């Protein structure tokens, strides 16, 4: 019985995605907070939308990275 080897390139790509997503998880809410503090500004809605998009993208990237990482570990 042989043990399956982990795919190191998939693990590396998964970790890259996760490490990019982590700072975005902080940047998105900071942008949303700053837009709520400046509701009278004319760029309120574009900044709010940008913050929400960054939050959504960070969640997508995090779960995509976790999926790639698990796929690399278990050779799916």
Protein backbone atom coordinates (compact mmCIF):
# COMPACT_ATOMS: atom_id res chain seq x y z
CA UNK A 1 0.00 0.00 0.00
CA UNK A 2 1.48 3.32 -1.06
CA UNK A 3 0.64 6.67 0.45
CA UNK A 4 -0.45 9.42 -1.92
CA UNK A 5 2.02 12.26 -2.38
CA UNK A 6 0.91 15.84 -2.00
CA UNK A 7 1.03 18.05 -5.09
CA UNK A 8 3.36 20.85 -4.01
CA UNK A 9 2.47 23.23 -6.84
CA UNK A 10 -1.24 23.09 -5.97
CA UNK A 11 -0.45 23.63 -2.31
CA UNK A 12 1.73 26.64 -3.18
CA UNK A 13 -0.97 28.15 -5.42
CA UNK A 14 -3.59 27.62 -2.73
CA UNK A 15 -1.45 29.29 -0.10
CA UNK A 16 -0.79 32.21 -2.44
CA UNK A 17 -4.52 32.78 -2.88
CA UNK A 18 -5.15 32.56 0.86
CA UNK A 19 -2.30 34.97 1.67
CA UNK A 20 -3.63 37.48 -0.87
CA UNK A 21 -7.16 37.16 0.52
CA UNK A 22 -6.23 37.82 4.14
CA UNK A 23 -5.16 41.48 3.69
CA UNK A 24 -8.17 42.09 1.45
CA UNK A 25 -10.40 40.89 4.30
CA UNK A 26 -9.16 43.88 6.30
CA UNK A 27 -9.02 46.42 3.47
CA UNK A 28 -12.63 45.91 2.36
CA UNK A 29 -14.28 46.69 5.71
CA UNK A 30 -11.94 49.67 6.22
CA UNK A 31 -13.10 51.12 2.89
CA UNK A 32 -16.74 50.46 3.77
CA UNK A 33 -16.27 52.14 7.15
CA UNK A 34 -14.64 55.18 5.57
CA UNK A 35 -17.48 55.49 3.07
CA UNK A 36 -20.06 55.42 5.88
CA UNK A 37 -18.13 58.14 7.69
CA UNK A 38 -18.35 60.37 4.57
CA UNK A 39 -21.97 59.90 3.48
CA UNK A 40 -22.32 63.49 2.32
CA UNK A 41 -19.43 63.16 -0.14
CA UNK A 42 -20.29 62.73 -3.84
CA UNK A 43 -18.14 59.57 -4.08
CA UNK A 44 -20.06 57.81 -1.30
CA UNK A 45 -21.73 55.18 -3.48
CA UNK A 46 -18.71 54.31 -5.67
CA UNK A 47 -16.50 53.89 -2.59
CA UNK A 48 -19.16 51.81 -0.83
CA UNK A 49 -19.53 49.58 -3.90
CA UNK A 50 -15.75 49.23 -4.16
CA UNK A 51 -15.52 48.16 -0.51
CA UNK A 52 -18.29 45.60 -0.95
CA UNK A 53 -16.66 44.22 -4.10
CA UNK A 54 -13.32 43.88 -2.32
CA UNK A 55 -15.02 42.00 0.54
CA UNK A 56 -16.78 39.65 -1.87
CA UNK A 57 -13.60 39.09 -3.88
CA UNK A 58 -11.61 38.32 -0.74
CA UNK A 59 -14.16 35.71 0.35
CA UNK A 60 -14.15 34.15 -3.11
CA UNK A 61 -10.34 34.11 -3.23
CA UNK A 62 -10.08 32.63 0.27
CA UNK A 63 -12.43 29.74 -0.45
CA UNK A 64 -10.89 29.15 -3.87
CA UNK A 65 -7.48 29.02 -2.19
CA UNK A 66 -8.70 26.61 0.47
CA UNK A 67 -10.21 24.40 -2.20
CA UNK A 68 -6.94 24.38 -4.16
CA UNK A 69 -4.97 23.71 -0.98
CA UNK A 70 -7.14 20.75 0.01
CA UNK A 71 -7.04 19.45 -3.54
CA UNK A 72 -3.26 19.56 -3.46
CA UNK A 73 -3.05 17.85 -0.11
CA UNK A 74 -5.38 14.98 -0.93
CA UNK A 75 -4.75 14.67 -4.70
CA UNK A 76 -8.34 15.04 -5.81
